[in-house]
Amino acid sequence: MRNLYLILLLVIPTIGLSQEKLESQNEPTEIVAFKLYPNPTYETTVYIESGEKGPKEIMIYDVFGELVLSDRILGEALDISSLSPGVYVLRMAQNNKATTRKLVVK
Protein backbone atom coordinates (compact mmCIF):
# COMPACT_ATOMS: atom_id res chain seq x y z
CA MET A 1 0.00 0.00 0.00
CA ARG A 2 2.89 2.36 0.80
CA ASN A 3 4.36 1.61 -2.62
CA LEU A 4 1.11 2.66 -4.28
CA TYR A 5 1.14 6.01 -2.46
CA LEU A 6 4.77 6.53 -3.40
CA ILE A 7 4.05 5.83 -7.07
CA LEU A 8 1.07 8.20 -7.06
CA LEU A 9 3.17 10.91 -5.41
CA LEU A 10 5.72 10.63 -8.20
CA VAL A 11 3.37 10.20 -11.18
CA ILE A 12 0.70 12.87 -10.56
CA PRO A 13 3.06 15.90 -10.54
CA THR A 14 4.80 14.57 -13.65
CA ILE A 15 1.51 14.32 -15.55
CA GLY A 16 0.60 17.88 -14.57
CA LEU A 17 3.96 19.29 -15.69
CA SER A 18 3.89 17.48 -19.03
CA GLN A 19 0.33 18.74 -19.69
CA GLU A 20 1.40 22.35 -19.02
CA LYS A 21 4.34 21.93 -21.37
CA LEU A 22 2.09 20.57 -24.15
CA GLU A 23 -0.38 23.43 -23.76
CA SER A 24 2.34 26.08 -23.85
CA GLN A 25 3.86 24.58 -27.03
CA ASN A 26 0.57 24.94 -28.92
CA GLU A 27 0.13 28.64 -28.14
CA PRO A 28 1.96 31.18 -30.29
CA THR A 29 4.37 33.36 -28.37
CA GLU A 30 4.24 37.14 -28.23
CA ILE A 31 6.29 39.22 -30.68
CA VAL A 32 8.62 41.20 -28.45
CA ALA A 33 9.93 43.80 -30.94
CA PHE A 34 6.45 44.76 -32.22
CA LYS A 35 5.90 48.42 -33.17
CA LEU A 36 2.77 50.00 -34.65
CA TYR A 37 2.94 53.64 -35.71
CA PRO A 38 1.52 56.23 -36.02
CA ASN A 39 -1.10 55.31 -33.47
CA PRO A 40 -3.51 57.08 -33.25
CA THR A 41 -3.38 57.86 -36.94
CA TYR A 42 -4.95 60.42 -39.24
CA GLU A 43 -3.32 58.81 -42.28
CA THR A 44 -4.27 55.98 -44.64
CA THR A 45 -1.12 53.97 -43.90
CA VAL A 46 0.30 52.56 -40.67
CA TYR A 47 3.67 50.91 -40.26
CA ILE A 48 4.22 47.63 -38.48
CA GLU A 49 7.64 46.44 -37.37
CA SER A 50 8.25 43.05 -35.82
CA GLY A 51 12.03 42.66 -35.80
CA GLU A 52 11.72 39.52 -37.94
CA LYS A 53 11.88 38.82 -41.67
CA GLY A 54 9.06 37.27 -43.64
CA PRO A 55 5.41 37.97 -44.42
CA LYS A 56 3.09 39.33 -41.75
CA GLU A 57 -0.54 38.20 -41.48
CA ILE A 58 -2.63 41.18 -40.38
CA MET A 59 -6.21 40.99 -39.15
CA ILE A 60 -8.13 44.04 -37.95
CA TYR A 61 -11.35 43.72 -35.94
CA ASP A 62 -13.89 46.37 -35.01
CA VAL A 63 -15.27 46.83 -31.48
CA PHE A 64 -17.96 44.21 -32.19
CA GLY A 65 -15.33 41.58 -33.01
CA GLU A 66 -16.05 41.54 -36.75
CA LEU A 67 -13.11 41.14 -39.09
CA VAL A 68 -12.97 44.37 -41.12
CA LEU A 69 -9.57 44.01 -42.79
CA SER A 70 -7.33 41.04 -43.50
CA ASP A 71 -4.04 41.40 -45.34
CA ARG A 72 -0.64 39.81 -45.80
CA ILE A 73 2.25 42.24 -46.07
CA LEU A 74 5.91 41.67 -46.87
CA GLY A 75 7.19 45.07 -45.80
CA GLU A 76 6.10 47.38 -42.99
CA ALA A 77 3.36 49.50 -44.63
CA LEU A 78 -0.30 48.55 -44.20
CA ASP A 79 -3.02 50.38 -46.17
CA ILE A 80 -5.94 51.20 -43.86
CA SER A 81 -7.77 53.58 -46.22
CA SER A 82 -10.86 51.33 -46.12
CA LEU A 83 -11.27 51.83 -42.34
CA SER A 84 -13.65 54.44 -40.94
CA PRO A 85 -12.56 56.51 -37.94
CA GLY A 86 -12.82 54.43 -34.77
CA VAL A 87 -11.09 52.02 -32.42
CA TYR A 88 -9.92 48.66 -33.74
CA VAL A 89 -8.00 45.61 -32.58
CA LEU A 90 -5.03 44.71 -34.78
CA ARG A 91 -3.67 41.17 -34.63
CA MET A 92 -0.42 40.30 -36.36
CA ALA A 93 0.93 36.77 -36.81
CA GLN A 94 4.38 35.90 -38.10
CA ASN A 95 6.59 32.80 -37.75
CA ASN A 96 4.29 31.04 -35.22
CA LYS A 97 4.18 34.16 -33.05
CA ALA A 98 1.34 36.61 -32.64
CA THR A 99 0.57 39.88 -30.95
CA THR A 100 -2.51 42.05 -30.54
CA ARG A 101 -2.71 45.84 -30.16
CA LYS A 102 -5.32 48.57 -30.18
CA LEU A 103 -5.38 50.77 -33.29
CA VAL A 104 -7.10 54.19 -33.25
CA VAL A 105 -8.06 55.71 -36.61
CA LYS A 106 -9.10 59.39 -36.49
PDB file of N, CA and C in Angstrom:
ATOM      1  N   MET A   1       0.815  -1.187   0.000  1.00  0.00           N
ATOM      2  CA  MET A   1       0.000   0.000   0.000  1.00  0.00           C
ATOM      3  C   MET A   1       0.865   1.260   0.000  1.00  0.00           C
ATOM      4  N   ARG A   2       1.988   1.218   0.756  1.00  0.00           N
ATOM      5  CA  ARG A   2       2.893   2.363   0.800  1.00  0.00           C
ATOM      6  C   ARG A   2       3.515   2.586  -0.569  1.00  0.00           C
ATOM      7  N   ASN A   3       3.770   1.483  -1.282  1.00  0.00           N
ATOM      8  CA  ASN A   3       4.360   1.615  -2.621  1.00  0.00           C
ATOM      9  C   ASN A   3       3.392   2.315  -3.573  1.00  0.00           C
ATOM     10  N   LEU A   4       2.120   2.020  -3.428  1.00  0.00           N
ATOM     11  CA  LEU A   4       1.113   2.658  -4.279  1.00  0.00           C
ATOM     12  C   LEU A   4       1.081   4.165  -4.033  1.00  0.00           C
ATOM     13  N   TYR A   5       1.118   4.591  -2.772  1.00  0.00           N
ATOM     14  CA  TYR A   5       1.139   6.010  -2.457  1.00  0.00           C
ATOM     15  C   TYR A   5       2.400   6.670  -3.002  1.00  0.00           C
ATOM     16  N   LEU A   6       3.514   6.004  -2.891  1.00  0.00           N
ATOM     17  CA  LEU A   6       4.775   6.529  -3.397  1.00  0.00           C
ATOM     18  C   LEU A   6       4.723   6.700  -4.912  1.00  0.00           C
ATOM     19  N   ILE A   7       4.172   5.743  -5.605  1.00  0.00           N
ATOM     20  CA  ILE A   7       4.049   5.825  -7.067  1.00  0.00           C
ATOM     21  C   ILE A   7       3.122   6.981  -7.447  1.00  0.00           C
ATOM     22  N   LEU A   8       1.990   7.105  -6.761  1.00  0.00           N
ATOM     23  CA  LEU A   8       1.070   8.195  -7.057  1.00  0.00           C
ATOM     24  C   LEU A   8       1.703   9.558  -6.790  1.00  0.00           C
ATOM     25  N   LEU A   9       2.487   9.652  -5.723  1.00  0.00           N
ATOM     26  CA  LEU A   9       3.171  10.909  -5.412  1.00  0.00           C
ATOM     27  C   LEU A   9       4.152  11.306  -6.511  1.00  0.00           C
ATOM     28  N   LEU A  10       4.754  10.352  -7.149  1.00  0.00           N
ATOM     29  CA  LEU A  10       5.720  10.634  -8.201  1.00  0.00           C
ATOM     30  C   LEU A  10       5.067  10.852  -9.565  1.00  0.00           C
ATOM     31  N   VAL A  11       3.987  10.161  -9.845  1.00  0.00           N
ATOM     32  CA  VAL A  11       3.369  10.202 -11.176  1.00  0.00           C
ATOM     33  C   VAL A  11       2.477  11.420 -11.372  1.00  0.00           C
ATOM     34  N   ILE A  12       1.675  11.781 -10.390  1.00  0.00           N
ATOM     35  CA  ILE A  12       0.700  12.866 -10.561  1.00  0.00           C
ATOM     36  C   ILE A  12       1.378  14.205 -10.886  1.00  0.00           C
ATOM     37  N   PRO A  13       2.414  14.639 -10.157  1.00  0.00           N
ATOM     38  CA  PRO A  13       3.057  15.903 -10.540  1.00  0.00           C
ATOM     39  C   PRO A  13       3.685  15.849 -11.940  1.00  0.00           C
ATOM     40  N   THR A  14       4.194  14.715 -12.333  1.00  0.00           N
ATOM     41  CA  THR A  14       4.802  14.567 -13.653  1.00  0.00           C
ATOM     42  C   THR A  14       3.758  14.734 -14.751  1.00  0.00           C
ATOM     43  N   ILE A  15       2.581  14.189 -14.566  1.00  0.00           N
ATOM     44  CA  ILE A  15       1.506  14.322 -15.548  1.00  0.00           C
ATOM     45  C   ILE A  15       1.098  15.791 -15.674  1.00  0.00           C
ATOM     46  N   GLY A  16       0.984  16.464 -14.547  1.00  0.00           N
ATOM     47  CA  GLY A  16       0.603  17.880 -14.573  1.00  0.00           C
ATOM     48  C   GLY A  16       1.629  18.733 -15.285  1.00  0.00           C
ATOM     49  N   LEU A  17       2.910  18.516 -15.041  1.00  0.00           N
ATOM     50  CA  LEU A  17       3.960  19.286 -15.695  1.00  0.00           C
ATOM     51  C   LEU A  17       4.002  19.025 -17.191  1.00  0.00           C
ATOM     52  N   SER A  18       3.844  17.774 -17.597  1.00  0.00           N
ATOM     53  CA  SER A  18       3.889  17.475 -19.026  1.00  0.00           C
ATOM     54  C   SER A  18       2.680  18.068 -19.740  1.00  0.00           C
ATOM     55  N   GLN A  19       1.520  18.129 -19.088  1.00  0.00           N
ATOM     56  CA  GLN A  19       0.332  18.738 -19.689  1.00  0.00           C
ATOM     57  C   GLN A  19       0.541  20.233 -19.893  1.00  0.00           C
ATOM     58  N   GLU A  20       1.125  20.924 -18.892  1.00  0.00           N
ATOM     59  CA  GLU A  20       1.401  22.349 -19.020  1.00  0.00           C
ATOM     60  C   GLU A  20       2.368  22.607 -20.165  1.00  0.00           C
ATOM     61  N   LYS A  21       3.358  21.771 -20.314  1.00  0.00           N
ATOM     62  CA  LYS A  21       4.340  21.929 -21.375  1.00  0.00           C
ATOM     63  C   LYS A  21       3.682  21.751 -22.745  1.00  0.00           C
ATOM     64  N   LEU A  22       2.794  20.776 -22.889  1.00  0.00           N
ATOM     65  CA  LEU A  22       2.092  20.568 -24.154  1.00  0.00           C
ATOM     66  C   LEU A  22       1.210  21.756 -24.496  1.00  0.00           C
ATOM     67  N   GLU A  23       0.496  22.289 -23.516  1.00  0.00           N
ATOM     68  CA  GLU A  23      -0.382  23.426 -23.761  1.00  0.00           C
ATOM     69  C   GLU A  23       0.413  24.653 -24.169  1.00  0.00           C
ATOM     70  N   SER A  24       1.560  24.898 -23.530  1.00  0.00           N
ATOM     71  CA  SER A  24       2.343  26.081 -23.854  1.00  0.00           C
ATOM     72  C   SER A  24       3.004  25.959 -25.222  1.00  0.00           C
ATOM     73  N   GLN A  25       3.259  24.754 -25.719  1.00  0.00           N
ATOM     74  CA  GLN A  25       3.864  24.581 -27.027  1.00  0.00           C
ATOM     75  C   GLN A  25       2.867  24.877 -28.132  1.00  0.00           C
ATOM     76  N   ASN A  26       1.584  24.705 -27.901  1.00  0.00           N
ATOM     77  CA  ASN A  26       0.574  24.937 -28.916  1.00  0.00           C
ATOM     78  C   ASN A  26       0.231  26.412 -29.089  1.00  0.00           C
ATOM     79  N   GLU A  27       0.478  27.234 -28.087  1.00  0.00           N
ATOM     80  CA  GLU A  27       0.130  28.635 -28.145  1.00  0.00           C
ATOM     81  C   GLU A  27       1.253  29.430 -28.800  1.00  0.00           C
ATOM     82  N   PRO A  28       0.912  30.349 -29.722  1.00  0.00           N
ATOM     83  CA  PRO A  28       1.961  31.182 -30.291  1.00  0.00           C
ATOM     84  C   PRO A  28       2.499  32.134 -29.236  1.00  0.00           C
ATOM     85  N   THR A  29       3.770  32.459 -29.337  1.00  0.00           N
ATOM     86  CA  THR A  29       4.368  33.358 -28.371  1.00  0.00           C
ATOM     87  C   THR A  29       4.250  34.791 -28.857  1.00  0.00           C
ATOM     88  N   GLU A  30       4.374  35.708 -27.953  1.00  0.00           N
ATOM     89  CA  GLU A  30       4.243  37.140 -28.231  1.00  0.00           C
ATOM     90  C   GLU A  30       5.455  37.647 -29.017  1.00  0.00           C
ATOM     91  N   ILE A  31       5.217  38.579 -29.927  1.00  0.00           N
ATOM     92  CA  ILE A  31       6.290  39.219 -30.683  1.00  0.00           C
ATOM     93  C   ILE A  31       6.816  40.362 -29.836  1.00  0.00           C
ATOM     94  N   VAL A  32       8.062  40.254 -29.408  1.00  0.00           N
ATOM     95  CA  VAL A  32       8.623  41.202 -28.449  1.00  0.00           C
ATOM     96  C   VAL A  32       8.932  42.553 -29.092  1.00  0.00           C
ATOM     97  N   ALA A  33       9.487  42.567 -30.292  1.00  0.00           N
ATOM     98  CA  ALA A  33       9.935  43.803 -30.936  1.00  0.00           C
ATOM     99  C   ALA A  33       8.829  44.464 -31.764  1.00  0.00           C
ATOM    100  N   PHE A  34       7.576  44.244 -31.444  1.00  0.00           N
ATOM    101  CA  PHE A  34       6.449  44.759 -32.221  1.00  0.00           C
ATOM    102  C   PHE A  34       6.307  46.270 -32.042  1.00  0.00           C
ATOM    103  N   LYS A  35       6.159  46.976 -33.188  1.00  0.00           N
ATOM    104  CA  LYS A  35       5.904  48.423 -33.174  1.00  0.00           C
ATOM    105  C   LYS A  35       4.815  48.727 -34.185  1.00  0.00           C
ATOM    106  N   LEU A  36       3.865  49.558 -33.797  1.00  0.00           N
ATOM    107  CA  LEU A  36       2.773  50.000 -34.655  1.00  0.00           C
ATOM    108  C   LEU A  36       2.722  51.519 -34.574  1.00  0.00           C
ATOM    109  N   TYR A  37       2.928  52.183 -35.710  1.00  0.00           N
ATOM    110  CA  TYR A  37       2.935  53.639 -35.707  1.00  0.00           C
ATOM    111  C   TYR A  37       2.487  54.175 -37.051  1.00  0.00           C
ATOM    112  N   PRO A  38       1.972  55.403 -37.145  1.00  0.00           N
ATOM    113  CA  PRO A  38       1.522  56.226 -36.017  1.00  0.00           C
ATOM    114  C   PRO A  38       0.228  55.670 -35.433  1.00  0.00           C
ATOM    115  N   ASN A  39       0.090  55.795 -34.161  1.00  0.00           N
ATOM    116  CA  ASN A  39      -1.100  55.311 -33.474  1.00  0.00           C
ATOM    117  C   ASN A  39      -1.366  56.204 -32.273  1.00  0.00           C
ATOM    118  N   PRO A  40      -2.412  56.988 -32.282  1.00  0.00           N
ATOM    119  CA  PRO A  40      -3.505  57.077 -33.252  1.00  0.00           C
ATOM    120  C   PRO A  40      -3.017  57.669 -34.572  1.00  0.00           C
ATOM    121  N   THR A  41      -3.771  57.392 -35.623  1.00  0.00           N
ATOM    122  CA  THR A  41      -3.377  57.857 -36.943  1.00  0.00           C
ATOM    123  C   THR A  41      -4.484  58.652 -37.617  1.00  0.00           C
ATOM    124  N   TYR A  42      -4.056  59.642 -38.389  1.00  0.00           N
ATOM    125  CA  TYR A  42      -4.954  60.419 -39.241  1.00  0.00           C
ATOM    126  C   TYR A  42      -4.722  60.036 -40.703  1.00  0.00           C
ATOM    127  N   GLU A  43      -3.770  59.155 -40.936  1.00  0.00           N
ATOM    128  CA  GLU A  43      -3.324  58.812 -42.280  1.00  0.00           C
ATOM    129  C   GLU A  43      -3.992  57.535 -42.785  1.00  0.00           C
ATOM    130  N   THR A  44      -3.691  57.191 -44.041  1.00  0.00           N
ATOM    131  CA  THR A  44      -4.266  55.984 -44.642  1.00  0.00           C
ATOM    132  C   THR A  44      -3.292  54.810 -44.595  1.00  0.00           C
ATOM    133  N   THR A  45      -2.123  55.030 -43.999  1.00  0.00           N
ATOM    134  CA  THR A  45      -1.119  53.971 -43.898  1.00  0.00           C
ATOM    135  C   THR A  45      -0.559  53.945 -42.487  1.00  0.00           C
ATOM    136  N   VAL A  46      -0.432  52.748 -41.923  1.00  0.00           N
ATOM    137  CA  VAL A  46       0.303  52.565 -40.669  1.00  0.00           C
ATOM    138  C   VAL A  46       1.473  51.648 -40.949  1.00  0.00           C
ATOM    139  N   TYR A  47       2.455  51.708 -40.087  1.00  0.00           N
ATOM    140  CA  TYR A  47       3.670  50.910 -40.261  1.00  0.00           C
ATOM    141  C   TYR A  47       3.790  49.936 -39.107  1.00  0.00           C
ATOM    142  N   ILE A  48       4.127  48.713 -39.460  1.00  0.00           N
ATOM    143  CA  ILE A  48       4.216  47.632 -38.477  1.00  0.00           C
ATOM    144  C   ILE A  48       5.599  47.015 -38.557  1.00  0.00           C
ATOM    145  N   GLU A  49       6.321  47.062 -37.448  1.00  0.00           N
ATOM    146  CA  GLU A  49       7.639  46.443 -37.368  1.00  0.00           C
ATOM    147  C   GLU A  49       7.569  45.281 -36.381  1.00  0.00           C
ATOM    148  N   SER A  50       8.270  44.203 -36.721  1.00  0.00           N
ATOM    149  CA  SER A  50       8.255  43.050 -35.822  1.00  0.00           C
ATOM    150  C   SER A  50       9.647  42.586 -35.424  1.00  0.00           C
ATOM    151  N   GLY A  51      10.671  43.097 -36.092  1.00  0.00           N
ATOM    152  CA  GLY A  51      12.025  42.663 -35.795  1.00  0.00           C
ATOM    153  C   GLY A  51      12.379  41.340 -36.451  1.00  0.00           C
ATOM    154  N   GLU A  52      11.480  40.796 -37.263  1.00  0.00           N
ATOM    155  CA  GLU A  52      11.722  39.522 -37.941  1.00  0.00           C
ATOM    156  C   GLU A  52      11.459  39.672 -39.438  1.00  0.00           C
ATOM    157  N   LYS A  53      12.088  38.834 -40.218  1.00  0.00           N
ATOM    158  CA  LYS A  53      11.877  38.816 -41.666  1.00  0.00           C
ATOM    159  C   LYS A  53      10.704  37.911 -42.001  1.00  0.00           C
ATOM    160  N   GLY A  54      10.128  38.138 -43.173  1.00  0.00           N
ATOM    161  CA  GLY A  54       9.055  37.269 -43.642  1.00  0.00           C
ATOM    162  C   GLY A  54       7.723  37.986 -43.677  1.00  0.00           C
ATOM    163  N   PRO A  55       6.735  37.348 -44.299  1.00  0.00           N
ATOM    164  CA  PRO A  55       5.410  37.968 -44.418  1.00  0.00           C
ATOM    165  C   PRO A  55       4.696  38.065 -43.073  1.00  0.00           C
ATOM    166  N   LYS A  56       3.873  39.097 -42.966  1.00  0.00           N
ATOM    167  CA  LYS A  56       3.086  39.331 -41.751  1.00  0.00           C
ATOM    168  C   LYS A  56       1.611  39.160 -42.102  1.00  0.00           C
ATOM    169  N   GLU A  57       0.906  38.355 -41.331  1.00  0.00           N
ATOM    170  CA  GLU A  57      -0.542  38.195 -41.484  1.00  0.00           C
ATOM    171  C   GLU A  57      -1.211  39.211 -40.564  1.00  0.00           C
ATOM    172  N   ILE A  58      -1.993  40.123 -41.148  1.00  0.00           N
ATOM    173  CA  ILE A  58      -2.632  41.178 -40.380  1.00  0.00           C
ATOM    174  C   ILE A  58      -4.142  40.982 -40.419  1.00  0.00           C
ATOM    175  N   MET A  59      -4.764  41.044 -39.252  1.00  0.00           N
ATOM    176  CA  MET A  59      -6.212  40.991 -39.145  1.00  0.00           C
ATOM    177  C   MET A  59      -6.652  42.147 -38.253  1.00  0.00           C
ATOM    178  N   ILE A  60      -7.627  42.917 -38.724  1.00  0.00           N
ATOM    179  CA  ILE A  60      -8.130  44.044 -37.947  1.00  0.00           C
ATOM    180  C   ILE A  60      -9.612  43.815 -37.674  1.00  0.00           C
ATOM    181  N   TYR A  61      -9.976  43.951 -36.394  1.00  0.00           N
ATOM    182  CA  TYR A  61     -11.349  43.720 -35.938  1.00  0.00           C
ATOM    183  C   TYR A  61     -11.931  45.020 -35.402  1.00  0.00           C
ATOM    184  N   ASP A  62     -13.236  45.207 -35.601  1.00  0.00           N
ATOM    185  CA  ASP A  62     -13.893  46.368 -35.013  1.00  0.00           C
ATOM    186  C   ASP A  62     -14.271  46.049 -33.568  1.00  0.00           C
ATOM    187  N   VAL A  63     -14.947  47.011 -32.905  1.00  0.00           N
ATOM    188  CA  VAL A  63     -15.275  46.829 -31.485  1.00  0.00           C
ATOM    189  C   VAL A  63     -16.305  45.738 -31.249  1.00  0.00           C
ATOM    190  N   PHE A  64     -16.989  45.295 -32.314  1.00  0.00           N
ATOM    191  CA  PHE A  64     -17.956  44.210 -32.190  1.00  0.00           C
ATOM    192  C   PHE A  64     -17.329  42.849 -32.454  1.00  0.00           C
ATOM    193  N   GLY A  65     -16.029  42.826 -32.758  1.00  0.00           N
ATOM    194  CA  GLY A  65     -15.333  41.579 -33.010  1.00  0.00           C
ATOM    195  C   GLY A  65     -15.427  41.095 -34.448  1.00  0.00           C
ATOM    196  N   GLU A  66     -15.957  41.918 -35.338  1.00  0.00           N
ATOM    197  CA  GLU A  66     -16.052  41.540 -36.747  1.00  0.00           C
ATOM    198  C   GLU A  66     -14.742  41.843 -37.461  1.00  0.00           C
ATOM    199  N   LEU A  67     -14.314  40.933 -38.295  1.00  0.00           N
ATOM    200  CA  LEU A  67     -13.111  41.137 -39.092  1.00  0.00           C
ATOM    201  C   LEU A  67     -13.427  42.168 -40.171  1.00  0.00           C
ATOM    202  N   VAL A  68     -12.708  43.305 -40.145  1.00  0.00           N
ATOM    203  CA  VAL A  68     -12.973  44.366 -41.119  1.00  0.00           C
ATOM    204  C   VAL A  68     -11.855  44.504 -42.148  1.00  0.00           C
ATOM    205  N   LEU A  69     -10.679  43.949 -41.851  1.00  0.00           N
ATOM    206  CA  LEU A  69      -9.565  44.010 -42.785  1.00  0.00           C
ATOM    207  C   LEU A  69      -8.639  42.831 -42.531  1.00  0.00           C
ATOM    208  N   SER A  70      -8.279  42.152 -43.592  1.00  0.00           N
ATOM    209  CA  SER A  70      -7.333  41.044 -43.501  1.00  0.00           C
ATOM    210  C   SER A  70      -6.343  41.213 -44.640  1.00  0.00           C
ATOM    211  N   ASP A  71      -5.056  41.170 -44.324  1.00  0.00           N
ATOM    212  CA  ASP A  71      -4.038  41.402 -45.339  1.00  0.00           C
ATOM    213  C   ASP A  71      -2.766  40.654 -44.973  1.00  0.00           C
ATOM    214  N   ARG A  72      -1.960  40.416 -45.986  1.00  0.00           N
ATOM    215  CA  ARG A  72      -0.640  39.810 -45.799  1.00  0.00           C
ATOM    216  C   ARG A  72       0.357  40.780 -46.408  1.00  0.00           C
ATOM    217  N   ILE A  73       1.280  41.271 -45.585  1.00  0.00           N
ATOM    218  CA  ILE A  73       2.246  42.245 -46.074  1.00  0.00           C
ATOM    219  C   ILE A  73       3.657  41.688 -45.957  1.00  0.00           C
ATOM    220  N   LEU A  74       4.516  42.094 -46.894  1.00  0.00           N
ATOM    221  CA  LEU A  74       5.913  41.668 -46.874  1.00  0.00           C
ATOM    222  C   LEU A  74       6.806  42.731 -46.242  1.00  0.00           C
ATOM    223  N   GLY A  75       6.414  43.978 -46.368  1.00  0.00           N
ATOM    224  CA  GLY A  75       7.192  45.074 -45.798  1.00  0.00           C
ATOM    225  C   GLY A  75       6.624  45.504 -44.467  1.00  0.00           C
ATOM    226  N   GLU A  76       6.610  46.840 -44.255  1.00  0.00           N
ATOM    227  CA  GLU A  76       6.100  47.380 -42.994  1.00  0.00           C
ATOM    228  C   GLU A  76       4.828  48.192 -43.169  1.00  0.00           C
ATOM    229  N   ALA A  77       4.493  48.608 -44.395  1.00  0.00           N
ATOM    230  CA  ALA A  77       3.356  49.498 -44.634  1.00  0.00           C
ATOM    231  C   ALA A  77       2.057  48.704 -44.800  1.00  0.00           C
ATOM    232  N   LEU A  78       1.021  49.154 -44.104  1.00  0.00           N
ATOM    233  CA  LEU A  78      -0.305  48.552 -44.205  1.00  0.00           C
ATOM    234  C   LEU A  78      -1.302  49.634 -44.593  1.00  0.00           C
ATOM    235  N   ASP A  79      -2.012  49.436 -45.696  1.00  0.00           N
ATOM    236  CA  ASP A  79      -3.018  50.381 -46.171  1.00  0.00           C
ATOM    237  C   ASP A  79      -4.305  50.200 -45.367  1.00  0.00           C
ATOM    238  N   ILE A  80      -4.715  51.249 -44.661  1.00  0.00           N
ATOM    239  CA  ILE A  80      -5.939  51.197 -43.858  1.00  0.00           C
ATOM    240  C   ILE A  80      -6.967  52.194 -44.378  1.00  0.00           C
ATOM    241  N   SER A  81      -6.870  52.575 -45.653  1.00  0.00           N
ATOM    242  CA  SER A  81      -7.768  53.583 -46.218  1.00  0.00           C
ATOM    243  C   SER A  81      -9.233  53.126 -46.205  1.00  0.00           C
ATOM    244  N   SER A  82      -9.480  51.831 -46.131  1.00  0.00           N
ATOM    245  CA  SER A  82     -10.855  51.327 -46.117  1.00  0.00           C
ATOM    246  C   SER A  82     -11.510  51.412 -44.735  1.00  0.00           C
ATOM    247  N   LEU A  83     -10.734  51.768 -43.704  1.00  0.00           N
ATOM    248  CA  LEU A  83     -11.272  51.831 -42.342  1.00  0.00           C
ATOM    249  C   LEU A  83     -11.881  53.197 -42.045  1.00  0.00           C
ATOM    250  N   SER A  84     -13.022  53.205 -41.413  1.00  0.00           N
ATOM    251  CA  SER A  84     -13.651  54.438 -40.937  1.00  0.00           C
ATOM    252  C   SER A  84     -12.990  54.834 -39.622  1.00  0.00           C
ATOM    253  N   PRO A  85     -13.096  56.119 -39.238  1.00  0.00           N
ATOM    254  CA  PRO A  85     -12.557  56.509 -37.936  1.00  0.00           C
ATOM    255  C   PRO A  85     -13.178  55.669 -36.813  1.00  0.00           C
ATOM    256  N   GLY A  86     -12.349  55.242 -35.889  1.00  0.00           N
ATOM    257  CA  GLY A  86     -12.822  54.434 -34.775  1.00  0.00           C
ATOM    258  C   GLY A  86     -11.692  53.702 -34.081  1.00  0.00           C
ATOM    259  N   VAL A  87     -12.053  52.820 -33.182  1.00  0.00           N
ATOM    260  CA  VAL A  87     -11.094  52.020 -32.417  1.00  0.00           C
ATOM    261  C   VAL A  87     -11.170  50.589 -32.923  1.00  0.00           C
ATOM    262  N   TYR A  88     -10.009  50.006 -33.189  1.00  0.00           N
ATOM    263  CA  TYR A  88      -9.921  48.663 -33.740  1.00  0.00           C
ATOM    264  C   TYR A  88      -8.920  47.835 -32.940  1.00  0.00           C
ATOM    265  N   VAL A  89      -8.984  46.536 -33.149  1.00  0.00           N
ATOM    266  CA  VAL A  89      -7.999  45.614 -32.582  1.00  0.00           C
ATOM    267  C   VAL A  89      -7.223  45.026 -33.754  1.00  0.00           C
ATOM    268  N   LEU A  90      -5.911  45.230 -33.737  1.00  0.00           N
ATOM    269  CA  LEU A  90      -5.034  44.710 -34.784  1.00  0.00           C
ATOM    270  C   LEU A  90      -4.309  43.480 -34.250  1.00  0.00           C
ATOM    271  N   ARG A  91      -4.382  42.407 -34.997  1.00  0.00           N
ATOM    272  CA  ARG A  91      -3.670  41.170 -34.635  1.00  0.00           C
ATOM    273  C   ARG A  91      -2.706  40.843 -35.753  1.00  0.00           C
ATOM    274  N   MET A  92      -1.434  40.654 -35.387  1.00  0.00           N
ATOM    275  CA  MET A  92      -0.423  40.305 -36.358  1.00  0.00           C
ATOM    276  C   MET A  92       0.184  38.952 -36.001  1.00  0.00           C
ATOM    277  N   ALA A  93       0.307  38.083 -37.004  1.00  0.00           N
ATOM    278  CA  ALA A  93       0.928  36.770 -36.808  1.00  0.00           C
ATOM    279  C   ALA A  93       2.093  36.643 -37.784  1.00  0.00           C
ATOM    280  N   GLN A  94       3.188  36.091 -37.278  1.00  0.00           N
ATOM    281  CA  GLN A  94       4.378  35.896 -38.095  1.00  0.00           C
ATOM    282  C   GLN A  94       5.263  34.837 -37.447  1.00  0.00           C
ATOM    283  N   ASN A  95       5.664  33.840 -38.229  1.00  0.00           N
ATOM    284  CA  ASN A  95       6.590  32.800 -37.751  1.00  0.00           C
ATOM    285  C   ASN A  95       6.123  32.138 -36.450  1.00  0.00           C
ATOM    286  N   ASN A  96       4.868  31.703 -36.392  1.00  0.00           N
ATOM    287  CA  ASN A  96       4.285  31.037 -35.217  1.00  0.00           C
ATOM    288  C   ASN A  96       4.288  31.908 -33.971  1.00  0.00           C
ATOM    289  N   LYS A  97       4.302  33.215 -34.155  1.00  0.00           N
ATOM    290  CA  LYS A  97       4.183  34.161 -33.054  1.00  0.00           C
ATOM    291  C   LYS A  97       3.058  35.118 -33.408  1.00  0.00           C
ATOM    292  N   ALA A  98       2.437  35.671 -32.393  1.00  0.00           N
ATOM    293  CA  ALA A  98       1.342  36.615 -32.641  1.00  0.00           C
ATOM    294  C   ALA A  98       1.310  37.672 -31.564  1.00  0.00           C
ATOM    295  N   THR A  99       0.755  38.813 -31.909  1.00  0.00           N
ATOM    296  CA  THR A  99       0.567  39.876 -30.954  1.00  0.00           C
ATOM    297  C   THR A  99      -0.685  40.664 -31.318  1.00  0.00           C
ATOM    298  N   THR A 100      -1.280  41.300 -30.336  1.00  0.00           N
ATOM    299  CA  THR A 100      -2.510  42.052 -30.536  1.00  0.00           C
ATOM    300  C   THR A 100      -2.341  43.436 -29.912  1.00  0.00           C
ATOM    301  N   ARG A 101      -2.780  44.472 -30.656  1.00  0.00           N
ATOM    302  CA  ARG A 101      -2.705  45.836 -30.165  1.00  0.00           C
ATOM    303  C   ARG A 101      -3.964  46.599 -30.568  1.00  0.00           C
ATOM    304  N   LYS A 102      -4.209  47.676 -29.850  1.00  0.00           N
ATOM    305  CA  LYS A 102      -5.315  48.570 -30.182  1.00  0.00           C
ATOM    306  C   LYS A 102      -4.828  49.544 -31.248  1.00  0.00           C
ATOM    307  N   LEU A 103      -5.675  49.808 -32.237  1.00  0.00           N
ATOM    308  CA  LEU A 103      -5.385  50.775 -33.294  1.00  0.00           C
ATOM    309  C   LEU A 103      -6.503  51.813 -33.302  1.00  0.00           C
ATOM    310  N   VAL A 104      -6.135  53.103 -33.230  1.00  0.00           N
ATOM    311  CA  VAL A 104      -7.103  54.189 -33.254  1.00  0.00           C
ATOM    312  C   VAL A 104      -6.942  54.936 -34.570  1.00  0.00           C
ATOM    313  N   VAL A 105      -8.043  54.995 -35.338  1.00  0.00           N
ATOM    314  CA  VAL A 105      -8.064  55.711 -36.610  1.00  0.00           C
ATOM    315  C   VAL A 105      -8.925  56.938 -36.404  1.00  0.00           C
ATOM    316  N   LYS A 106      -8.361  58.129 -36.681  1.00  0.00           N
ATOM    317  CA  LYS A 106      -9.105  59.390 -36.487  1.00  0.00           C
ATOM    318  C   LYS A 106      -9.474  59.981 -37.821  1.00  0.00           C
TER     319      LYS A 106
END
